Amino acid sequence: MPNLETPDRYQVRSVARALEMLQAVGESGESGLTLTEMAQRLEMAKSSTMAAARTLASFGFLRIESPGPRYHLGLALLRYGDLVSQLTSLGKIALPLLHELTDETGLTSRLAINDEGYPVFVERVDGKGAVRFHTPLGQRESPHGTGAGKAILAQLADEEVLRIINQKDLVAHTSNSLTTVDAVLNELKHVQLVGYAIDNEEEAEGIICVGAPIFDYNGHCAGAVSVTGLKVDITQRVIAPLCNTVLMYAERISTLIGNVRL
């Protein structure tokens, strides 16, 4: 860290302190720092540390997590970052909620980022039981056949959807696959109406996925969260409450990354 005892004559002490705070929190890794830990590391009064930390949090540069509270880096630092940084940070921020979603539903939960209309899954929490969905992370997946993909596509104008998909890409993986552009557009209109998307055995026989979009600080679709399970298990539940649960967690993640208009 810079030596604040002999600062450059152009250095603003309060700004330097704020940057030191961000650096300290970043170096703490996934655990983050408590207010007391920050004050000790920076050799600052606890009241001054709290004022600086709360100011940074109000602008999205720090994120406050309870209980604790503990301070973590916020997504404001990623607004001008590259895709790799977004993948890593968004996944880490949302991971605790994915664990909650899996615990609540018993299904495998996944988080995808919006990569120019395609879902790229960056985190996965497997549900308990013998079945594991070992889908790869970090790769583009079907934008029209997965719950997360349809949830993302539904946020785009028809012209943008047509740019992403075309007739030759609509390969039938199962008898339920959407194989025409009109079918995809009609499905997306339904997603826009209800707020969530369902992959009803469209990518694989016997597998159902429910996805809902997540939105960032400026209201853009940042990606989607979804749950995946065997049809035989999901049909034992009431599908509407499951969809509402996924939608609720999507809204919680959106709030966590700065969207306040939900």
Protein backbone atom coordinates (compact mmCIF):
# COMPACT_ATOMS: atom_id res chain seq x y z
CA MET A 1 0.00 0.00 0.00
CA PRO A 2 1.16 3.60 -0.47
CA ASN A 3 2.86 5.30 2.44
CA LEU A 4 0.46 7.94 3.68
CA GLU A 5 3.04 9.40 6.04
CA THR A 6 5.02 10.79 3.08
CA PRO A 7 2.38 11.29 0.40
CA ASP A 8 2.85 12.73 -3.03
CA ARG A 9 2.02 16.43 -2.87
CA TYR A 10 -0.86 15.89 -5.30
CA GLN A 11 -2.33 12.96 -3.35
CA VAL A 12 -5.71 13.49 -1.69
CA ARG A 13 -5.61 11.69 1.64
CA SER A 14 -9.31 10.77 1.75
CA VAL A 15 -9.17 9.31 -1.76
CA ALA A 16 -6.02 7.38 -0.91
CA ARG A 17 -7.71 5.98 2.18
CA ALA A 18 -10.70 4.86 0.13
CA LEU A 19 -8.44 3.13 -2.39
CA GLU A 20 -6.50 1.44 0.43
CA MET A 21 -9.82 0.21 1.81
CA LEU A 22 -10.79 -1.31 -1.54
CA GLN A 23 -7.38 -2.92 -1.81
CA ALA A 24 -7.62 -4.40 1.69
CA VAL A 25 -11.09 -5.81 1.04
CA GLY A 26 -9.96 -7.22 -2.31
CA GLU A 27 -6.97 -8.93 -0.72
CA SER A 28 -9.23 -10.55 1.88
CA GLY A 29 -10.71 -12.83 -0.77
CA GLU A 30 -14.10 -14.47 -0.40
CA SER A 31 -14.22 -13.98 3.38
CA GLY A 32 -14.32 -10.18 3.18
CA LEU A 33 -13.59 -7.96 6.18
CA THR A 34 -15.54 -6.78 9.18
CA LEU A 35 -15.48 -3.12 10.15
CA THR A 36 -13.10 -3.89 13.03
CA GLU A 37 -10.74 -5.80 10.74
CA MET A 38 -10.68 -2.96 8.24
CA ALA A 39 -10.00 -0.38 10.93
CA GLN A 40 -7.12 -2.47 12.27
CA ARG A 41 -5.56 -3.07 8.85
CA LEU A 42 -5.78 0.58 7.85
CA GLU A 43 -4.94 1.91 11.32
CA MET A 44 -8.03 4.11 11.23
CA ALA A 45 -10.57 5.02 13.86
CA LYS A 46 -13.58 2.75 13.70
CA SER A 47 -15.96 5.69 13.18
CA SER A 48 -13.91 6.99 10.24
CA THR A 49 -13.69 3.47 8.80
CA MET A 50 -17.45 3.06 8.98
CA ALA A 51 -18.08 6.43 7.30
CA ALA A 52 -15.69 5.61 4.43
CA ALA A 53 -17.00 2.05 4.01
CA ARG A 54 -20.63 3.17 3.98
CA THR A 55 -19.83 5.83 1.40
CA LEU A 56 -18.12 3.30 -0.87
CA ALA A 57 -21.05 0.91 -0.40
CA SER A 58 -23.56 3.62 -1.34
CA PHE A 59 -21.80 3.96 -4.71
CA GLY A 60 -21.61 0.19 -5.20
CA PHE A 61 -17.84 -0.13 -4.75
CA LEU A 62 -18.31 -2.19 -1.59
CA ARG A 63 -21.04 -4.68 -0.78
CA ILE A 64 -22.30 -5.24 2.77
CA GLU A 65 -23.16 -8.82 3.70
CA SER A 66 -25.01 -9.81 6.86
CA PRO A 67 -24.66 -11.23 9.43
CA GLY A 68 -21.52 -9.47 10.51
CA PRO A 69 -21.69 -7.23 8.69
CA ARG A 70 -18.81 -8.11 6.37
CA TYR A 71 -17.60 -5.99 3.50
CA HIS A 72 -16.87 -7.36 0.02
CA LEU A 73 -15.99 -5.72 -3.29
CA GLY A 74 -19.06 -4.45 -5.14
CA LEU A 75 -20.01 -4.77 -8.80
CA ALA A 76 -19.50 -1.07 -9.49
CA LEU A 77 -15.85 -2.00 -9.98
CA LEU A 78 -16.90 -4.20 -12.90
CA ARG A 79 -18.95 -1.70 -14.86
CA TYR A 80 -16.03 -1.09 -17.16
CA GLY A 81 -14.34 -4.46 -16.69
CA ASP A 82 -14.02 -7.33 -19.13
CA LEU A 83 -16.25 -10.39 -19.40
CA VAL A 84 -13.90 -12.68 -17.46
CA SER A 85 -13.97 -10.37 -14.45
CA GLN A 86 -17.75 -10.20 -14.63
CA LEU A 87 -18.04 -13.98 -14.77
CA THR A 88 -15.87 -14.46 -11.70
CA SER A 89 -17.32 -11.70 -9.54
CA LEU A 90 -20.99 -12.18 -10.37
CA GLY A 91 -20.68 -15.89 -9.67
CA LYS A 92 -19.05 -15.34 -6.28
CA ILE A 93 -21.62 -12.74 -5.27
CA ALA A 94 -24.59 -14.92 -6.21
CA LEU A 95 -23.19 -18.25 -4.97
CA PRO A 96 -24.67 -18.06 -1.43
CA LEU A 97 -28.12 -17.53 -2.92
CA LEU A 98 -27.63 -20.47 -5.28
CA HIS A 99 -26.96 -22.65 -2.23
CA GLU A 100 -30.16 -21.34 -0.66
CA LEU A 101 -32.12 -22.00 -3.84
CA THR A 102 -30.83 -25.57 -4.05
CA ASP A 103 -31.56 -26.18 -0.36
CA GLU A 104 -35.09 -24.87 -0.79
CA THR A 105 -35.96 -26.73 -3.99
CA GLY A 106 -33.71 -29.80 -3.82
CA LEU A 107 -32.78 -29.13 -7.45
CA THR A 108 -29.52 -28.17 -9.15
CA SER A 109 -29.26 -24.40 -9.42
CA ARG A 110 -27.12 -22.52 -11.96
CA LEU A 111 -26.19 -18.94 -12.68
CA ALA A 112 -25.61 -17.69 -16.23
CA ILE A 113 -24.26 -14.38 -17.47
CA ASN A 114 -25.67 -12.74 -20.59
CA ASP A 115 -22.99 -12.98 -23.30
CA GLU A 116 -24.52 -11.08 -26.24
CA GLY A 117 -27.81 -12.96 -25.86
CA TYR A 118 -26.27 -16.35 -25.06
CA PRO A 119 -26.26 -17.88 -21.57
CA VAL A 120 -22.79 -18.65 -20.21
CA PHE A 121 -23.10 -20.59 -16.97
CA VAL A 122 -20.58 -19.53 -14.35
CA GLU A 123 -21.74 -21.25 -11.14
CA ARG A 124 -23.59 -24.43 -10.26
CA VAL A 125 -24.79 -25.94 -7.00
CA ASP A 126 -25.86 -29.57 -7.32
CA GLY A 127 -28.99 -30.84 -5.65
CA LYS A 128 -28.79 -33.76 -3.25
CA GLY A 129 -29.35 -37.23 -4.61
CA ALA A 130 -27.82 -39.65 -7.06
CA VAL A 131 -28.33 -37.57 -10.21
CA ARG A 132 -25.71 -34.94 -11.06
CA PHE A 133 -25.97 -32.60 -14.04
CA HIS A 134 -22.32 -32.23 -14.99
CA THR A 135 -22.81 -29.42 -17.44
CA PRO A 136 -19.66 -27.44 -18.26
CA LEU A 137 -19.18 -23.92 -16.95
CA GLY A 138 -17.86 -21.01 -18.99
CA GLN A 139 -19.30 -22.08 -22.34
CA ARG A 140 -22.13 -20.63 -24.38
CA GLU A 141 -25.25 -22.78 -24.31
CA SER A 142 -28.46 -22.82 -26.30
CA PRO A 143 -30.16 -19.43 -26.22
CA HIS A 144 -33.57 -20.86 -27.14
CA GLY A 145 -33.63 -24.35 -25.62
CA THR A 146 -32.63 -23.72 -22.01
CA GLY A 147 -34.64 -21.99 -19.30
CA ALA A 148 -31.86 -19.48 -18.67
CA GLY A 149 -31.32 -18.90 -22.38
CA LYS A 150 -34.97 -18.15 -23.06
CA ALA A 151 -35.14 -15.90 -19.99
CA ILE A 152 -32.27 -13.84 -21.45
CA LEU A 153 -33.59 -13.82 -25.05
CA ALA A 154 -36.98 -12.62 -23.84
CA GLN A 155 -35.40 -9.33 -22.75
CA LEU A 156 -34.36 -8.53 -26.33
CA ALA A 157 -36.27 -7.04 -29.24
CA ASP A 158 -37.41 -9.46 -31.94
CA GLU A 159 -34.82 -8.07 -34.35
CA GLU A 160 -32.03 -8.85 -31.90
CA VAL A 161 -33.41 -12.35 -31.28
CA LEU A 162 -33.42 -12.98 -35.04
CA ARG A 163 -29.80 -11.85 -35.23
CA ILE A 164 -28.84 -14.43 -32.60
CA ILE A 165 -30.84 -17.37 -33.91
CA ASN A 166 -31.79 -18.49 -37.38
CA GLN A 167 -33.62 -21.44 -38.83
CA LYS A 168 -30.53 -23.59 -39.42
CA ASP A 169 -29.57 -23.33 -35.73
CA LEU A 170 -32.91 -24.72 -34.54
CA VAL A 171 -31.87 -28.36 -34.32
CA ALA A 172 -34.30 -30.80 -32.71
CA HIS A 173 -32.69 -32.44 -29.68
CA THR A 174 -35.99 -33.94 -28.52
CA SER A 175 -39.56 -34.04 -29.74
CA ASN A 176 -40.23 -30.95 -27.59
CA SER A 177 -37.47 -28.79 -29.12
CA LEU A 178 -38.44 -25.47 -30.68
CA THR A 179 -37.52 -25.85 -34.36
CA THR A 180 -38.99 -22.75 -36.02
CA VAL A 181 -38.32 -19.06 -35.55
CA ASP A 182 -42.03 -18.38 -35.05
CA ALA A 183 -42.18 -20.98 -32.27
CA VAL A 184 -39.24 -19.33 -30.51
CA LEU A 185 -40.74 -15.84 -30.80
CA ASN A 186 -44.10 -17.03 -29.49
CA GLU A 187 -42.38 -18.75 -26.58
CA LEU A 188 -40.46 -15.58 -25.73
CA LYS A 189 -43.67 -13.55 -25.68
CA HIS A 190 -45.01 -15.96 -23.07
CA VAL A 191 -41.79 -15.59 -21.04
CA GLN A 192 -42.18 -11.81 -21.14
CA LEU A 193 -45.72 -12.20 -19.83
CA VAL A 194 -45.01 -14.51 -16.88
CA GLY A 195 -41.44 -13.44 -16.06
CA TYR A 196 -39.81 -16.87 -16.19
CA ALA A 197 -38.96 -19.53 -18.79
CA ILE A 198 -39.33 -23.31 -18.82
CA ASP A 199 -37.23 -25.83 -20.72
CA ASN A 200 -39.74 -28.67 -20.91
CA GLU A 201 -37.53 -31.54 -22.08
CA GLU A 202 -36.33 -29.42 -25.00
CA GLU A 203 -32.58 -30.03 -24.58
CA ALA A 204 -32.74 -33.53 -23.07
CA GLU A 205 -35.46 -36.13 -22.53
CA GLY A 206 -36.72 -36.28 -18.97
CA ILE A 207 -35.03 -33.00 -17.89
CA ILE A 208 -36.89 -29.83 -16.97
CA CYS A 209 -35.34 -26.42 -16.28
CA VAL A 210 -36.92 -23.22 -14.95
CA GLY A 211 -35.06 -19.94 -15.47
CA ALA A 212 -35.62 -16.25 -14.66
CA PRO A 213 -33.64 -13.17 -15.74
CA ILE A 214 -31.46 -11.06 -13.47
CA PHE A 215 -30.87 -7.34 -14.04
CA ASP A 216 -27.92 -5.10 -13.21
CA TYR A 217 -27.65 -1.58 -11.80
CA ASN A 218 -28.85 0.06 -15.03
CA GLY A 219 -31.71 -2.33 -15.72
CA HIS A 220 -29.96 -4.39 -18.39
CA CYS A 221 -30.30 -8.16 -18.34
CA ALA A 222 -27.08 -9.39 -16.73
CA GLY A 223 -27.97 -13.06 -17.03
CA ALA A 224 -30.31 -15.59 -15.49
CA VAL A 225 -30.67 -18.04 -12.63
CA SER A 226 -32.22 -21.47 -13.14
CA VAL A 227 -33.00 -24.79 -11.49
CA THR A 228 -32.74 -28.14 -13.25
CA GLY A 229 -34.11 -31.52 -12.33
CA LEU A 230 -35.69 -34.75 -13.51
CA LYS A 231 -39.22 -34.41 -14.80
CA VAL A 232 -40.36 -37.23 -12.55
CA ASP A 233 -39.18 -35.24 -9.53
CA ILE A 234 -40.49 -31.86 -10.63
CA THR A 235 -43.95 -33.17 -11.52
CA GLN A 236 -44.32 -34.24 -7.89
CA ARG A 237 -44.31 -30.57 -7.03
CA VAL A 238 -46.66 -27.83 -8.06
CA ILE A 239 -44.87 -26.18 -10.99
CA ALA A 240 -46.22 -22.65 -10.40
CA PRO A 241 -44.72 -22.29 -6.87
CA LEU A 242 -41.39 -23.59 -8.20
CA CYS A 243 -41.38 -20.97 -10.97
CA ASN A 244 -42.26 -18.26 -8.45
CA THR A 245 -39.39 -19.40 -6.22
CA VAL A 246 -36.89 -19.10 -9.08
CA LEU A 247 -38.31 -15.69 -9.95
CA MET A 248 -37.92 -14.57 -6.32
CA TYR A 249 -34.26 -15.61 -6.23
CA ALA A 250 -33.62 -13.87 -9.55
CA GLU A 251 -35.00 -10.69 -8.02
CA ARG A 252 -32.82 -11.13 -4.93
CA ILE A 253 -29.69 -11.53 -7.06
CA SER A 254 -30.71 -8.49 -9.13
CA THR A 255 -31.00 -6.45 -5.95
CA LEU A 256 -27.65 -7.77 -4.76
CA ILE A 257 -25.89 -6.53 -7.89
CA GLY A 258 -27.43 -3.11 -7.72
CA ASN A 259 -30.83 -3.19 -9.42
CA VAL A 260 -33.23 -1.17 -7.30
CA ARG A 261 -36.17 -0.91 -9.69
CA LEU A 262 -37.72 -4.34 -9.04
